[in-house]
Amino acid sequence: MTKIYVLKWSEIFDEFSKRHEYLLDKLKLEEELWLRKHNSADEVVADAQNNSAIMEMPLIPKKAIE
């Protein structure tokens, strides 16, 4: 016998919010720390360009558009 569960959209969103609240809190904290560190968009760009954790180029290059 198959069971069918019915939820309202509000219940789905509430459950999602409760389940992922710690991620949102972590993102808010990181945002606050980031905003304290940088005074302008130019500082953010410079910081990102000077970041030592830059991703490496992909092993398989993208196909050139002809």
Protein backbone atom coordinates (compact mmCIF):
# COMPACT_ATOMS: atom_id res chain seq x y z
CA MET A 1 0.00 0.00 0.00
CA THR A 2 1.33 3.43 -0.97
CA LYS A 3 1.25 6.28 1.50
CA ILE A 4 0.71 9.81 0.30
CA TYR A 5 1.80 12.78 2.37
CA VAL A 6 0.29 16.20 1.80
CA LEU A 7 1.97 19.39 2.96
CA LYS A 8 1.06 23.03 2.54
CA TRP A 9 3.63 25.32 0.96
CA SER A 10 3.92 27.20 4.25
CA GLU A 11 4.87 23.95 6.00
CA ILE A 12 7.50 23.17 3.37
CA PHE A 13 9.06 26.63 3.69
CA ASP A 14 8.95 26.51 7.50
CA GLU A 15 10.67 23.13 7.56
CA PHE A 16 13.29 24.32 5.07
CA SER A 17 13.95 27.44 7.14
CA LYS A 18 14.34 25.46 10.35
CA ARG A 19 16.57 22.89 8.68
CA HIS A 20 18.87 25.48 7.08
CA GLU A 21 18.82 28.24 9.69
CA TYR A 22 22.43 27.58 10.70
CA LEU A 23 23.57 28.19 7.10
CA LEU A 24 21.75 31.51 6.96
CA ASP A 25 23.26 32.53 10.32
CA LYS A 26 26.73 31.61 9.07
CA LEU A 27 26.23 33.62 5.86
CA LYS A 28 25.00 36.64 7.85
CA LEU A 29 28.09 36.46 10.07
CA GLU A 30 30.41 36.20 7.07
CA GLU A 31 28.64 39.15 5.44
CA GLU A 32 29.03 41.23 8.60
CA LEU A 33 32.75 40.41 8.84
CA TRP A 34 33.21 41.14 5.12
CA LEU A 35 31.48 44.52 5.41
CA ARG A 36 33.62 45.48 8.41
CA LYS A 37 36.79 44.64 6.47
CA HIS A 38 35.96 46.51 3.23
CA ASN A 39 34.94 50.14 2.85
CA SER A 40 34.27 50.17 -0.89
CA ALA A 41 33.58 47.94 -3.87
CA ASP A 42 37.11 48.66 -5.14
CA GLU A 43 38.55 47.15 -1.96
CA VAL A 44 36.43 44.04 -2.45
CA VAL A 45 37.65 43.63 -6.05
CA ALA A 46 41.28 44.15 -5.04
CA ASP A 47 40.93 41.64 -2.21
CA ALA A 48 39.39 39.05 -4.54
CA GLN A 49 42.14 39.56 -7.13
CA ASN A 50 44.88 39.19 -4.50
CA ASN A 51 43.29 36.13 -2.91
CA SER A 52 45.68 33.17 -2.75
CA ALA A 53 42.78 30.70 -2.90
CA ILE A 54 42.14 31.31 -6.60
CA MET A 55 40.69 28.36 -8.49
CA GLU A 56 42.93 26.66 -11.02
CA MET A 57 42.10 26.69 -14.71
CA PRO A 58 40.00 23.69 -15.83
CA LEU A 59 41.86 20.71 -17.27
CA ILE A 60 39.55 20.57 -20.25
CA PRO A 61 39.47 23.94 -21.99
CA LYS A 62 36.18 25.33 -23.18
CA LYS A 63 35.45 24.94 -26.87
CA ALA A 64 36.27 28.08 -28.82
CA ILE A 65 33.35 29.79 -30.51
CA GLU A 66 33.93 29.93 -34.25
